[in-house]
Amino acid sequence: MKKKQSGLLEEAKKSVLLMPSVLLLLVFFVAPILLTVYYSFTNLALSGENARQLKFIGLSNYFTMFKDRTVRISIGNTLVFLLGSLIGQQVLGFIIALNMRNKNRVFRGIAGPIFLAGWIMPEVVVALCCSTFFGDSGTLNQIFSFFHLPQVEFLFAVPMLTVILANIWHGTAFSMMNFQSALDGVPADIEEAARVDGAGPFQTMIRIVLPCIKNTIATNTMLNTLSTLGVFGLIYMMTGGGPGTKTLTLPIFMYRQAFISQQLGYGTAISMILLVIGIVLSVFYTRIMRND
């Protein structure tokens, strides 16, 4: 009995120590999500009659949203932006980490600082740098002109590709550091044994290295997914969601509806799509990590 009481006392002490963290999570994480869910069922607005009298309107915002063609376009653009950014950041980050591991000094000296510089910069600064680089009279077109190549209006001809490349530069260093840490943990003797058994570099990579860092790949993908879904400043500063609706992602469309059209209730309903996509993908990645 005394041992039981002692154990309960220890658990109570641990719970008390955790209470400040739990309180902060409730105030700054759980409460905003619950408010967002509630406001998505209301007519909340910044001006007009709806701003004076908040009403619960049920699923009206969601019915309007599902009928809105622009919502479907923004969902498609968000998924394209997400997929392109994830593939670029994961593959490029892994290649850089692999070259860092192999101690290629030239590659380390050039690529490392370039991608780290992109990662530590705020989104707004990255957007300005990439707009200058991809602009009509930007650095890339100046290089094309020097080699007598036709100039390209990247921000108008291929705006989605341009913002994806900008986001890849901005976030690749995060993947690079995660993969670098994971690759350092791969036992060298296993790789050596595979080589002795006749496995080539490609077979060693596919059958030894990648299975060893599978959990890191899944975790890194999940973190990059959640951060990419919320990218706003980078796209807004570079294209504003245009031209037309070519780079109109859900965060941009949500901002337009909530703060330009001043329909906060409708804007929060749109934000719920982002929340659902994030939850579904997080569950999917978590299940992958649980499977051996």
Protein backbone atom coordinates (compact mmCIF):
# COMPACT_ATOMS: atom_id res chain seq x y z
CA MET A 1 0.00 0.00 0.00
CA LYS A 2 2.81 2.39 0.88
CA LYS A 3 4.52 1.66 -2.44
CA LYS A 4 1.28 2.44 -4.28
CA GLN A 5 0.86 5.73 -2.44
CA SER A 6 4.49 6.62 -3.11
CA GLY A 7 4.02 5.87 -6.82
CA LEU A 8 0.86 8.00 -6.99
CA LEU A 9 2.67 10.85 -5.24
CA GLU A 10 5.51 10.71 -7.76
CA GLU A 11 3.04 10.77 -10.66
CA ALA A 12 1.24 13.73 -9.08
CA LYS A 13 4.54 15.61 -8.77
CA LYS A 14 5.31 14.96 -12.44
CA SER A 15 1.84 16.14 -13.43
CA VAL A 16 2.26 19.38 -11.48
CA LEU A 17 5.57 20.07 -13.21
CA LEU A 18 3.92 19.51 -16.61
CA MET A 19 0.95 21.79 -15.90
CA PRO A 20 2.59 25.04 -17.17
CA SER A 21 3.42 23.38 -20.51
CA VAL A 22 -0.07 21.90 -20.79
CA LEU A 23 -1.61 25.29 -20.00
CA LEU A 24 0.47 27.00 -22.70
CA LEU A 25 -0.57 24.36 -25.24
CA LEU A 26 -4.23 24.81 -24.34
CA VAL A 27 -4.08 28.61 -24.58
CA PHE A 28 -1.92 29.02 -27.68
CA PHE A 29 -2.65 25.83 -29.64
CA VAL A 30 -5.91 24.12 -28.71
CA ALA A 31 -7.97 27.27 -28.06
CA PRO A 32 -7.19 28.92 -31.45
CA ILE A 33 -8.10 25.69 -33.28
CA LEU A 34 -11.42 25.44 -31.41
CA LEU A 35 -12.18 29.13 -32.10
CA THR A 36 -11.37 28.61 -35.80
CA VAL A 37 -13.74 25.65 -35.97
CA TYR A 38 -16.48 27.68 -34.25
CA TYR A 39 -16.03 30.81 -36.40
CA SER A 40 -16.21 28.72 -39.57
CA PHE A 41 -19.89 28.10 -38.69
CA THR A 42 -20.65 31.81 -38.21
CA ASN A 43 -21.14 34.93 -40.33
CA LEU A 44 -18.18 36.70 -38.69
CA ALA A 45 -17.05 39.72 -40.72
CA LEU A 46 -14.82 42.78 -40.34
CA SER A 47 -17.43 45.30 -41.52
CA GLY A 48 -21.13 45.65 -42.32
CA GLU A 49 -24.16 44.19 -40.60
CA ASN A 50 -22.47 40.85 -39.90
CA ALA A 51 -19.69 42.59 -37.96
CA ARG A 52 -22.25 44.04 -35.55
CA GLN A 53 -24.18 40.86 -34.94
CA LEU A 54 -22.42 37.49 -34.88
CA LYS A 55 -24.72 34.64 -35.91
CA PHE A 56 -24.37 30.88 -36.06
CA ILE A 57 -25.20 29.93 -39.68
CA GLY A 58 -24.37 26.21 -39.60
CA LEU A 59 -22.89 24.72 -42.76
CA SER A 60 -23.68 27.72 -44.96
CA ASN A 61 -19.99 28.69 -45.35
CA TYR A 62 -19.10 25.13 -46.30
CA PHE A 63 -21.91 24.86 -48.88
CA THR A 64 -20.71 28.13 -50.42
CA MET A 65 -17.14 26.90 -50.37
CA PHE A 66 -17.86 23.59 -52.11
CA LYS A 67 -19.74 25.43 -54.87
CA ASP A 68 -16.91 27.92 -55.37
CA ARG A 69 -14.75 27.00 -58.37
CA THR A 70 -11.90 29.14 -57.03
CA VAL A 71 -11.70 26.92 -53.94
CA ARG A 72 -11.12 23.87 -56.14
CA ILE A 73 -8.44 25.74 -58.11
CA SER A 74 -6.69 26.81 -54.90
CA ILE A 75 -6.76 23.24 -53.53
CA GLY A 76 -5.19 21.94 -56.75
CA ASN A 77 -2.53 24.69 -56.69
CA THR A 78 -1.79 23.95 -53.03
CA LEU A 79 -1.27 20.24 -53.74
CA VAL A 80 0.96 20.99 -56.76
CA PHE A 81 3.00 23.44 -54.70
CA LEU A 82 3.23 20.93 -51.84
CA LEU A 83 4.26 18.00 -54.04
CA GLY A 84 6.84 20.00 -56.02
CA SER A 85 8.37 21.50 -52.86
CA LEU A 86 8.49 18.16 -51.04
CA ILE A 87 10.15 16.30 -53.92
CA GLY A 88 12.67 19.10 -54.47
CA GLN A 89 13.55 19.60 -50.80
CA GLN A 90 13.76 15.89 -50.01
CA VAL A 91 15.78 14.82 -53.06
CA LEU A 92 18.08 17.83 -53.12
CA GLY A 93 18.53 17.75 -49.34
CA PHE A 94 19.47 14.06 -49.48
CA ILE A 95 21.94 14.57 -52.35
CA ILE A 96 23.64 17.44 -50.53
CA ALA A 97 23.78 15.47 -47.25
CA LEU A 98 25.25 12.47 -49.10
CA ASN A 99 27.96 14.63 -50.65
CA MET A 100 28.67 16.20 -47.26
CA ARG A 101 29.04 12.72 -45.83
CA ASN A 102 31.49 11.74 -48.56
CA LYS A 103 33.57 14.80 -47.62
CA ASN A 104 33.53 16.44 -51.01
CA ARG A 105 35.19 19.66 -49.87
CA VAL A 106 34.42 21.67 -53.00
CA PHE A 107 30.76 20.75 -52.87
CA ARG A 108 30.60 21.40 -49.11
CA GLY A 109 32.24 24.78 -49.49
CA ILE A 110 29.85 25.95 -52.21
CA ALA A 111 26.49 24.23 -51.68
CA GLY A 112 26.37 24.28 -47.87
CA PRO A 113 26.47 28.07 -47.37
CA ILE A 114 24.08 28.69 -50.31
CA PHE A 115 21.31 26.49 -48.93
CA LEU A 116 21.90 27.50 -45.30
CA ALA A 117 21.61 31.15 -46.34
CA GLY A 118 18.23 30.43 -47.92
CA TRP A 119 17.00 28.62 -44.80
CA ILE A 120 17.93 31.28 -42.23
CA MET A 121 16.34 34.09 -44.25
CA PRO A 122 12.74 35.15 -43.53
CA GLU A 123 10.18 34.33 -46.22
CA VAL A 124 9.89 37.99 -47.23
CA VAL A 125 13.63 38.30 -47.85
CA VAL A 126 13.68 35.01 -49.79
CA ALA A 127 10.76 36.28 -51.91
CA LEU A 128 12.59 39.53 -52.70
CA CYS A 129 15.82 37.68 -53.57
CA CYS A 130 14.00 35.20 -55.84
CA SER A 131 11.92 37.94 -57.48
CA THR A 132 15.13 39.74 -58.30
CA PHE A 133 16.71 36.56 -59.62
CA PHE A 134 13.72 35.42 -61.72
CA GLY A 135 12.45 38.89 -62.69
CA ASP A 136 12.14 40.15 -66.28
CA SER A 137 15.45 42.00 -66.00
CA GLY A 138 16.73 39.79 -63.19
CA THR A 139 19.96 37.89 -62.78
CA LEU A 140 18.84 34.75 -64.61
CA ASN A 141 17.66 36.68 -67.66
CA GLN A 142 20.89 38.66 -67.63
CA ILE A 143 22.78 35.37 -67.80
CA PHE A 144 20.54 34.25 -70.68
CA SER A 145 21.24 37.54 -72.46
CA PHE A 146 24.99 37.12 -72.01
CA PHE A 147 24.81 33.74 -73.77
CA HIS A 148 22.43 35.14 -76.43
CA LEU A 149 19.55 32.98 -75.21
CA PRO A 150 15.90 34.15 -75.31
CA GLN A 151 14.73 35.78 -72.10
CA VAL A 152 11.83 34.27 -70.15
CA GLU A 153 9.20 36.05 -68.05
CA PHE A 154 9.37 33.43 -65.31
CA LEU A 155 6.84 35.09 -62.97
CA PHE A 156 4.25 35.19 -65.79
CA ALA A 157 5.14 32.22 -68.01
CA VAL A 158 5.83 29.62 -65.29
CA PRO A 159 4.78 31.26 -61.98
CA MET A 160 4.06 28.01 -60.10
CA LEU A 161 7.43 26.51 -61.05
CA THR A 162 9.12 29.75 -59.98
CA VAL A 163 7.57 29.83 -56.49
CA ILE A 164 8.26 26.09 -56.07
CA LEU A 165 11.95 26.64 -56.89
CA ALA A 166 12.04 29.55 -54.44
CA ASN A 167 10.51 27.40 -51.69
CA ILE A 168 12.92 24.55 -52.47
CA TRP A 169 15.86 26.91 -51.99
CA HIS A 170 14.29 28.23 -48.80
CA GLY A 171 13.68 24.83 -47.16
CA THR A 172 16.27 22.42 -48.53
CA ALA A 173 18.81 23.11 -45.79
CA PHE A 174 16.39 21.74 -43.16
CA SER A 175 16.16 18.42 -45.01
CA MET A 176 19.92 18.46 -45.60
CA MET A 177 20.68 18.70 -41.88
CA ASN A 178 18.13 16.01 -40.96
CA PHE A 179 19.54 13.61 -43.56
CA GLN A 180 23.11 14.44 -42.56
CA SER A 181 22.37 13.45 -38.98
CA ALA A 182 20.60 10.25 -40.10
CA LEU A 183 23.38 9.23 -42.50
CA ASP A 184 25.95 9.64 -39.73
CA GLY A 185 24.01 7.02 -37.77
CA VAL A 186 24.13 4.38 -40.52
CA PRO A 187 26.67 1.71 -39.38
CA ALA A 188 29.72 1.79 -41.66
CA ASP A 189 30.44 -1.92 -41.10
CA ILE A 190 27.06 -2.90 -42.62
CA GLU A 191 27.81 -0.89 -45.75
CA GLU A 192 31.29 -2.39 -45.91
CA ALA A 193 29.88 -5.92 -45.56
CA ALA A 194 27.44 -5.21 -48.41
CA ARG A 195 30.28 -4.01 -50.63
CA VAL A 196 32.31 -7.13 -49.80
CA ASP A 197 29.33 -9.28 -50.80
CA GLY A 198 29.38 -7.60 -54.21
CA ALA A 199 26.71 -4.91 -53.79
CA GLY A 200 27.27 -1.83 -55.93
CA PRO A 201 26.73 1.78 -54.77
CA PHE A 202 23.13 1.82 -56.01
CA GLN A 203 22.23 -1.48 -54.33
CA THR A 204 23.91 -0.37 -51.10
CA MET A 205 21.91 2.85 -51.17
CA ILE A 206 18.56 1.14 -51.86
CA ARG A 207 18.95 -1.93 -49.63
CA ILE A 208 21.07 -0.60 -46.76
CA VAL A 209 21.14 3.19 -46.40
CA LEU A 210 17.53 4.12 -47.22
CA PRO A 211 15.94 1.44 -44.97
CA CYS A 212 18.19 2.60 -42.12
CA ILE A 213 16.99 6.21 -42.41
CA LYS A 214 13.35 5.39 -43.26
CA ASN A 215 11.99 6.97 -40.07
CA THR A 216 13.98 10.14 -40.65
CA ILE A 217 12.61 10.37 -44.20
CA ALA A 218 9.03 10.02 -42.91
CA THR A 219 9.54 12.52 -40.07
CA ASN A 220 11.25 15.03 -42.34
CA THR A 221 8.47 14.66 -44.92
CA MET A 222 5.81 15.27 -42.29
CA LEU A 223 7.54 18.40 -40.95
CA ASN A 224 8.12 19.78 -44.45
CA THR A 225 4.49 19.04 -45.37
CA LEU A 226 3.11 21.01 -42.42
CA SER A 227 5.44 23.96 -43.01
CA THR A 228 4.80 24.02 -46.79
CA LEU A 229 1.01 23.94 -46.38
CA GLY A 230 1.22 27.21 -44.45
CA VAL A 231 3.54 29.08 -46.85
CA PHE A 232 2.01 32.51 -47.42
CA GLY A 233 4.57 35.33 -47.47
CA LEU A 234 6.79 33.76 -50.12
CA ILE A 235 4.00 33.34 -52.70
CA TYR A 236 2.21 36.57 -51.77
CA MET A 237 5.36 38.66 -52.18
CA MET A 238 6.41 37.01 -55.46
CA THR A 239 3.11 36.67 -57.35
CA GLY A 240 0.25 37.66 -55.04
CA GLY A 241 -1.49 34.45 -56.11
CA GLY A 242 -1.40 35.44 -59.79
CA PRO A 243 -1.21 35.91 -62.59
CA GLY A 244 -4.93 35.18 -62.47
CA THR A 245 -5.25 32.11 -60.24
CA LYS A 246 -2.10 30.28 -61.35
CA THR A 247 -0.42 30.46 -57.91
CA LEU A 248 -3.55 30.97 -55.81
CA THR A 249 -3.01 28.55 -52.91
CA LEU A 250 -5.34 28.03 -49.95
CA PRO A 251 -3.46 30.42 -47.58
CA ILE A 252 -3.59 33.20 -50.21
CA PHE A 253 -7.28 32.59 -50.97
CA MET A 254 -8.07 32.40 -47.25
CA TYR A 255 -6.33 35.77 -46.72
CA ARG A 256 -8.26 37.38 -49.59
CA GLN A 257 -11.61 36.21 -48.27
CA ALA A 258 -10.91 36.99 -44.62
CA PHE A 259 -9.10 40.35 -44.83
CA ILE A 260 -9.74 41.81 -48.30
CA SER A 261 -13.36 40.69 -48.73
CA GLN A 262 -13.62 40.96 -44.91
CA GLN A 263 -15.55 37.69 -44.58
CA LEU A 264 -13.76 36.14 -41.61
CA GLY A 265 -16.28 33.32 -41.18
CA TYR A 266 -15.84 32.18 -44.78
CA GLY A 267 -12.05 32.60 -44.50
CA THR A 268 -11.88 30.38 -41.42
CA ALA A 269 -14.00 27.76 -43.21
CA ILE A 270 -11.39 27.71 -45.99
CA SER A 271 -8.64 27.34 -43.38
CA MET A 272 -10.32 24.15 -42.19
CA ILE A 273 -9.36 22.53 -45.51
CA LEU A 274 -5.71 23.15 -44.66
CA LEU A 275 -6.26 21.69 -41.19
CA VAL A 276 -7.89 18.55 -42.62
CA ILE A 277 -5.15 18.07 -45.25
CA GLY A 278 -2.47 18.45 -42.56
CA ILE A 279 -4.18 15.97 -40.23
CA VAL A 280 -4.71 13.36 -42.97
CA LEU A 281 -1.10 13.55 -44.17
CA SER A 282 0.26 13.51 -40.60
CA VAL A 283 -1.71 10.34 -39.82
CA PHE A 284 -0.45 8.78 -43.06
CA TYR A 285 3.20 9.57 -42.25
CA THR A 286 2.77 8.35 -38.66
CA ARG A 287 1.46 5.00 -39.90
CA ILE A 288 4.45 4.68 -42.23
CA MET A 289 6.82 5.26 -39.30
CA ARG A 290 5.06 2.58 -37.25
CA ASN A 291 5.47 -0.08 -39.95
CA ASP A 292 8.72 -2.02 -39.92
